[in-house]
Amino acid sequence: MNKHDLAKALRNGMFATKIDIDEAWKYVDLVARGSDNPAAVYTCVQVMVNTIAAAIIRTEEVTA
């Protein structure tokens, strides 16, 4: 899978996209602060980020 196909597979048109990663983390922080369980919000987001990072690494290894 190339990077374009990976991005397409990960993208969900139902949700917005932030301008950059820093802005996305600020949004996560805002949502977590408004949650009854901020740790759960951070945990779910970080699991997703780690999964995306691993997929990027695998993509790089396949194309190398």
PDB file of N, CA and C in Angstrom:
ATOM      1  N   MET A   1       0.855  -1.171   0.000  1.00  0.00           N
ATOM      2  CA  MET A   1       0.000   0.000   0.000  1.00  0.00           C
ATOM      3  C   MET A   1       0.906   1.241   0.000  1.00  0.00           C
ATOM      4  N   ASN A   2       0.643   2.164  -0.911  1.00  0.00           N
ATOM      5  CA  ASN A   2       1.432   3.389  -0.934  1.00  0.00           C
ATOM      6  C   ASN A   2       0.829   4.430   0.021  1.00  0.00           C
ATOM      7  N   LYS A   3       1.527   5.533   0.189  1.00  0.00           N
ATOM      8  CA  LYS A   3       1.084   6.549   1.154  1.00  0.00           C
ATOM      9  C   LYS A   3      -0.278   7.123   0.794  1.00  0.00           C
ATOM     10  N   HIS A   4      -0.529   7.322  -0.486  1.00  0.00           N
ATOM     11  CA  HIS A   4      -1.824   7.867  -0.910  1.00  0.00           C
ATOM     12  C   HIS A   4      -2.956   6.903  -0.556  1.00  0.00           C
ATOM     13  N   ASP A   5      -2.762   5.627  -0.836  1.00  0.00           N
ATOM     14  CA  ASP A   5      -3.783   4.621  -0.514  1.00  0.00           C
ATOM     15  C   ASP A   5      -3.977   4.504   0.994  1.00  0.00           C
ATOM     16  N   LEU A   6      -2.874   4.599   1.744  1.00  0.00           N
ATOM     17  CA  LEU A   6      -2.959   4.560   3.203  1.00  0.00           C
ATOM     18  C   LEU A   6      -3.781   5.742   3.720  1.00  0.00           C
ATOM     19  N   ALA A   7      -3.478   6.926   3.230  1.00  0.00           N
ATOM     20  CA  ALA A   7      -4.220   8.117   3.658  1.00  0.00           C
ATOM     21  C   ALA A   7      -5.696   7.999   3.300  1.00  0.00           C
ATOM     22  N   LYS A   8      -5.993   7.491   2.115  1.00  0.00           N
ATOM     23  CA  LYS A   8      -7.380   7.300   1.700  1.00  0.00           C
ATOM     24  C   LYS A   8      -8.108   6.318   2.612  1.00  0.00           C
ATOM     25  N   ALA A   9      -7.413   5.253   2.992  1.00  0.00           N
ATOM     26  CA  ALA A   9      -8.012   4.235   3.859  1.00  0.00           C
ATOM     27  C   ALA A   9      -8.288   4.788   5.252  1.00  0.00           C
ATOM     28  N   LEU A  10      -7.440   5.695   5.717  1.00  0.00           N
ATOM     29  CA  LEU A  10      -7.585   6.244   7.061  1.00  0.00           C
ATOM     30  C   LEU A  10      -8.593   7.390   7.125  1.00  0.00           C
ATOM     31  N   ARG A  11      -8.779   8.093   6.051  1.00  0.00           N
ATOM     32  CA  ARG A  11      -9.616   9.293   6.024  1.00  0.00           C
ATOM     33  C   ARG A  11     -11.073   8.939   6.202  1.00  0.00           C
ATOM     34  N   ASN A  12     -11.761   9.707   7.045  1.00  0.00           N
ATOM     35  CA  ASN A  12     -13.199   9.549   7.250  1.00  0.00           C
ATOM     36  C   ASN A  12     -13.849  10.894   6.985  1.00  0.00           C
ATOM     37  N   GLY A  13     -14.564  10.999   5.895  1.00  0.00           N
ATOM     38  CA  GLY A  13     -15.174  12.251   5.479  1.00  0.00           C
ATOM     39  C   GLY A  13     -16.215  12.796   6.438  1.00  0.00           C
ATOM     40  N   MET A  14     -16.636  11.997   7.395  1.00  0.00           N
ATOM     41  CA  MET A  14     -17.629  12.449   8.368  1.00  0.00           C
ATOM     42  C   MET A  14     -17.022  13.441   9.371  1.00  0.00           C
ATOM     43  N   PHE A  15     -15.687  13.445   9.479  1.00  0.00           N
ATOM     44  CA  PHE A  15     -15.015  14.276  10.471  1.00  0.00           C
ATOM     45  C   PHE A  15     -14.127  15.312   9.802  1.00  0.00           C
ATOM     46  N   ALA A  16     -13.877  16.386  10.520  1.00  0.00           N
ATOM     47  CA  ALA A  16     -13.046  17.482  10.019  1.00  0.00           C
ATOM     48  C   ALA A  16     -11.579  17.094  10.010  1.00  0.00           C
ATOM     49  N   THR A  17     -10.784  17.925   9.377  1.00  0.00           N
ATOM     50  CA  THR A  17      -9.331  17.804   9.376  1.00  0.00           C
ATOM     51  C   THR A  17      -8.769  19.117   9.909  1.00  0.00           C
ATOM     52  N   LYS A  18      -7.824  19.042  10.800  1.00  0.00           N
ATOM     53  CA  LYS A  18      -7.162  20.240  11.316  1.00  0.00           C
ATOM     54  C   LYS A  18      -6.031  20.632  10.376  1.00  0.00           C
ATOM     55  N   ILE A  19      -5.576  21.872  10.475  1.00  0.00           N
ATOM     56  CA  ILE A  19      -4.561  22.387   9.561  1.00  0.00           C
ATOM     57  C   ILE A  19      -3.209  21.691   9.710  1.00  0.00           C
ATOM     58  N   ASP A  20      -2.900  21.237  10.918  1.00  0.00           N
ATOM     59  CA  ASP A  20      -1.654  20.507  11.144  1.00  0.00           C
ATOM     60  C   ASP A  20      -1.784  19.662  12.404  1.00  0.00           C
ATOM     61  N   ILE A  21      -0.753  18.879  12.697  1.00  0.00           N
ATOM     62  CA  ILE A  21      -0.789  17.963  13.835  1.00  0.00           C
ATOM     63  C   ILE A  21      -0.911  18.720  15.151  1.00  0.00           C
ATOM     64  N   ASP A  22      -0.215  19.833  15.275  1.00  0.00           N
ATOM     65  CA  ASP A  22      -0.290  20.621  16.509  1.00  0.00           C
ATOM     66  C   ASP A  22      -1.721  21.077  16.794  1.00  0.00           C
ATOM     67  N   GLU A  23      -2.397  21.546  15.767  1.00  0.00           N
ATOM     68  CA  GLU A  23      -3.798  21.974  15.934  1.00  0.00           C
ATOM     69  C   GLU A  23      -4.694  20.789  16.276  1.00  0.00           C
ATOM     70  N   ALA A  24      -4.413  19.646  15.701  1.00  0.00           N
ATOM     71  CA  ALA A  24      -5.201  18.451  16.015  1.00  0.00           C
ATOM     72  C   ALA A  24      -5.026  18.063  17.484  1.00  0.00           C
ATOM     73  N   TRP A  25      -3.785  18.148  18.001  1.00  0.00           N
ATOM     74  CA  TRP A  25      -3.544  17.839  19.417  1.00  0.00           C
ATOM     75  C   TRP A  25      -4.239  18.851  20.314  1.00  0.00           C
ATOM     76  N   LYS A  26      -4.293  20.106  19.916  1.00  0.00           N
ATOM     77  CA  LYS A  26      -5.018  21.122  20.700  1.00  0.00           C
ATOM     78  C   LYS A  26      -6.505  20.774  20.762  1.00  0.00           C
ATOM     79  N   TYR A  27      -7.032  20.285  19.661  1.00  0.00           N
ATOM     80  CA  TYR A  27      -8.436  19.873  19.630  1.00  0.00           C
ATOM     81  C   TYR A  27      -8.677  18.683  20.557  1.00  0.00           C
ATOM     82  N   VAL A  28      -7.764  17.711  20.520  1.00  0.00           N
ATOM     83  CA  VAL A  28      -7.863  16.569  21.430  1.00  0.00           C
ATOM     84  C   VAL A  28      -7.868  17.059  22.870  1.00  0.00           C
ATOM     85  N   ASP A  29      -6.976  17.966  23.181  1.00  0.00           N
ATOM     86  CA  ASP A  29      -6.887  18.510  24.537  1.00  0.00           C
ATOM     87  C   ASP A  29      -8.188  19.193  24.942  1.00  0.00           C
ATOM     88  N   LEU A  30      -8.762  19.966  24.040  1.00  0.00           N
ATOM     89  CA  LEU A  30     -10.032  20.651  24.317  1.00  0.00           C
ATOM     90  C   LEU A  30     -11.145  19.645  24.606  1.00  0.00           C
ATOM     91  N   VAL A  31     -11.229  18.620  23.784  1.00  0.00           N
ATOM     92  CA  VAL A  31     -12.260  17.596  23.984  1.00  0.00           C
ATOM     93  C   VAL A  31     -12.019  16.834  25.286  1.00  0.00           C
ATOM     94  N   ALA A  32     -10.769  16.477  25.535  1.00  0.00           N
ATOM     95  CA  ALA A  32     -10.447  15.725  26.755  1.00  0.00           C
ATOM     96  C   ALA A  32     -10.796  16.527  28.001  1.00  0.00           C
ATOM     97  N   ARG A  33     -10.500  17.814  27.978  1.00  0.00           N
ATOM     98  CA  ARG A  33     -10.798  18.657  29.144  1.00  0.00           C
ATOM     99  C   ARG A  33     -12.294  18.757  29.417  1.00  0.00           C
ATOM    100  N   GLY A  34     -13.095  18.610  28.377  1.00  0.00           N
ATOM    101  CA  GLY A  34     -14.546  18.661  28.533  1.00  0.00           C
ATOM    102  C   GLY A  34     -15.169  17.313  28.832  1.00  0.00           C
ATOM    103  N   SER A  35     -14.356  16.293  28.900  1.00  0.00           N
ATOM    104  CA  SER A  35     -14.841  14.932  29.103  1.00  0.00           C
ATOM    105  C   SER A  35     -14.867  14.571  30.584  1.00  0.00           C
ATOM    106  N   ASP A  36     -15.766  13.654  30.932  1.00  0.00           N
ATOM    107  CA  ASP A  36     -15.781  13.106  32.282  1.00  0.00           C
ATOM    108  C   ASP A  36     -14.581  12.192  32.519  1.00  0.00           C
ATOM    109  N   ASN A  37     -13.951  11.742  31.431  1.00  0.00           N
ATOM    110  CA  ASN A  37     -12.819  10.817  31.535  1.00  0.00           C
ATOM    111  C   ASN A  37     -11.739  11.216  30.534  1.00  0.00           C
ATOM    112  N   PRO A  38     -10.986  12.293  30.817  1.00  0.00           N
ATOM    113  CA  PRO A  38      -9.967  12.762  29.877  1.00  0.00           C
ATOM    114  C   PRO A  38      -8.924  11.701  29.546  1.00  0.00           C
ATOM    115  N   ALA A  39      -8.559  10.874  30.511  1.00  0.00           N
ATOM    116  CA  ALA A  39      -7.553   9.839  30.250  1.00  0.00           C
ATOM    117  C   ALA A  39      -8.027   8.872  29.166  1.00  0.00           C
ATOM    118  N   ALA A  40      -9.307   8.573  29.141  1.00  0.00           N
ATOM    119  CA  ALA A  40      -9.851   7.671  28.121  1.00  0.00           C
ATOM    120  C   ALA A  40      -9.757   8.310  26.735  1.00  0.00           C
ATOM    121  N   VAL A  41     -10.028   9.609  26.660  1.00  0.00           N
ATOM    122  CA  VAL A  41      -9.923  10.322  25.378  1.00  0.00           C
ATOM    123  C   VAL A  41      -8.484  10.271  24.880  1.00  0.00           C
ATOM    124  N   TYR A  42      -7.536  10.646  25.744  1.00  0.00           N
ATOM    125  CA  TYR A  42      -6.122  10.628  25.355  1.00  0.00           C
ATOM    126  C   TYR A  42      -5.660   9.226  24.964  1.00  0.00           C
ATOM    127  N   THR A  43      -6.113   8.216  25.698  1.00  0.00           N
ATOM    128  CA  THR A  43      -5.715   6.841  25.405  1.00  0.00           C
ATOM    129  C   THR A  43      -6.195   6.419  24.020  1.00  0.00           C
ATOM    130  N   CYS A  44      -7.451   6.659  23.717  1.00  0.00           N
ATOM    131  CA  CYS A  44      -7.993   6.279  22.409  1.00  0.00           C
ATOM    132  C   CYS A  44      -7.278   7.002  21.272  1.00  0.00           C
ATOM    133  N   VAL A  45      -7.062   8.290  21.447  1.00  0.00           N
ATOM    134  CA  VAL A  45      -6.382   9.059  20.407  1.00  0.00           C
ATOM    135  C   VAL A  45      -4.952   8.560  20.220  1.00  0.00           C
ATOM    136  N   GLN A  46      -4.243   8.310  21.309  1.00  0.00           N
ATOM    137  CA  GLN A  46      -2.854   7.886  21.193  1.00  0.00           C
ATOM    138  C   GLN A  46      -2.729   6.502  20.574  1.00  0.00           C
ATOM    139  N   VAL A  47      -3.668   5.612  20.872  1.00  0.00           N
ATOM    140  CA  VAL A  47      -3.670   4.297  20.224  1.00  0.00           C
ATOM    141  C   VAL A  47      -3.843   4.478  18.713  1.00  0.00           C
ATOM    142  N   MET A  48      -4.743   5.356  18.306  1.00  0.00           N
ATOM    143  CA  MET A  48      -4.947   5.605  16.877  1.00  0.00           C
ATOM    144  C   MET A  48      -3.692   6.214  16.247  1.00  0.00           C
ATOM    145  N   VAL A  49      -3.085   7.180  16.912  1.00  0.00           N
ATOM    146  CA  VAL A  49      -1.865   7.803  16.391  1.00  0.00           C
ATOM    147  C   VAL A  49      -0.757   6.764  16.242  1.00  0.00           C
ATOM    148  N   ASN A  50      -0.572   5.926  17.247  1.00  0.00           N
ATOM    149  CA  ASN A  50       0.457   4.891  17.178  1.00  0.00           C
ATOM    150  C   ASN A  50       0.189   3.913  16.034  1.00  0.00           C
ATOM    151  N   THR A  51      -1.078   3.583  15.817  1.00  0.00           N
ATOM    152  CA  THR A  51      -1.453   2.676  14.737  1.00  0.00           C
ATOM    153  C   THR A  51      -1.161   3.313  13.378  1.00  0.00           C
ATOM    154  N   ILE A  52      -1.475   4.584  13.236  1.00  0.00           N
ATOM    155  CA  ILE A  52      -1.181   5.295  11.986  1.00  0.00           C
ATOM    156  C   ILE A  52       0.325   5.369  11.760  1.00  0.00           C
ATOM    157  N   ALA A  53       1.073   5.681  12.807  1.00  0.00           N
ATOM    158  CA  ALA A  53       2.536   5.747  12.691  1.00  0.00           C
ATOM    159  C   ALA A  53       3.098   4.402  12.248  1.00  0.00           C
ATOM    160  N   ALA A  54       2.603   3.320  12.821  1.00  0.00           N
ATOM    161  CA  ALA A  54       3.075   1.989  12.442  1.00  0.00           C
ATOM    162  C   ALA A  54       2.742   1.685  10.985  1.00  0.00           C
ATOM    163  N   ALA A  55       1.569   2.105  10.532  1.00  0.00           N
ATOM    164  CA  ALA A  55       1.185   1.891   9.133  1.00  0.00           C
ATOM    165  C   ALA A  55       2.078   2.688   8.189  1.00  0.00           C
ATOM    166  N   ILE A  56       2.436   3.897   8.572  1.00  0.00           N
ATOM    167  CA  ILE A  56       3.349   4.707   7.766  1.00  0.00           C
ATOM    168  C   ILE A  56       4.706   4.031   7.666  1.00  0.00           C
ATOM    169  N   ILE A  57       5.197   3.548   8.790  1.00  0.00           N
ATOM    170  CA  ILE A  57       6.492   2.854   8.799  1.00  0.00           C
ATOM    171  C   ILE A  57       6.451   1.620   7.899  1.00  0.00           C
ATOM    172  N   ARG A  58       5.369   0.845   7.990  1.00  0.00           N
ATOM    173  CA  ARG A  58       5.250  -0.337   7.139  1.00  0.00           C
ATOM    174  C   ARG A  58       5.227   0.069   5.660  1.00  0.00           C
ATOM    175  N   THR A  59       4.535   1.149   5.333  1.00  0.00           N
ATOM    176  CA  THR A  59       4.466   1.643   3.968  1.00  0.00           C
ATOM    177  C   THR A  59       5.851   2.026   3.474  1.00  0.00           C
ATOM    178  N   GLU A  60       6.616   2.714   4.308  1.00  0.00           N
ATOM    179  CA  GLU A  60       7.973   3.115   3.952  1.00  0.00           C
ATOM    180  C   GLU A  60       8.850   1.882   3.722  1.00  0.00           C
ATOM    181  N   GLU A  61       8.689   0.858   4.547  1.00  0.00           N
ATOM    182  CA  GLU A  61       9.503  -0.364   4.419  1.00  0.00           C
ATOM    183  C   GLU A  61       9.184  -1.107   3.129  1.00  0.00           C
ATOM    184  N   VAL A  62       7.914  -1.099   2.734  1.00  0.00           N
ATOM    185  CA  VAL A  62       7.493  -1.801   1.527  1.00  0.00           C
ATOM    186  C   VAL A  62       8.018  -1.086   0.286  1.00  0.00           C
ATOM    187  N   THR A  63       8.020   0.247   0.297  1.00  0.00           N
ATOM    188  CA  THR A  63       8.441   1.014  -0.875  1.00  0.00           C
ATOM    189  C   THR A  63       9.943   1.188  -0.946  1.00  0.00           C
ATOM    190  N   ALA A  64      10.655   0.831   0.120  1.00  0.00           N
ATOM    191  CA  ALA A  64      12.124   1.016   0.128  1.00  0.00           C
ATOM    192  C   ALA A  64      12.827  -0.079  -0.630  1.00  0.00           C
TER     193      ALA A  64
END
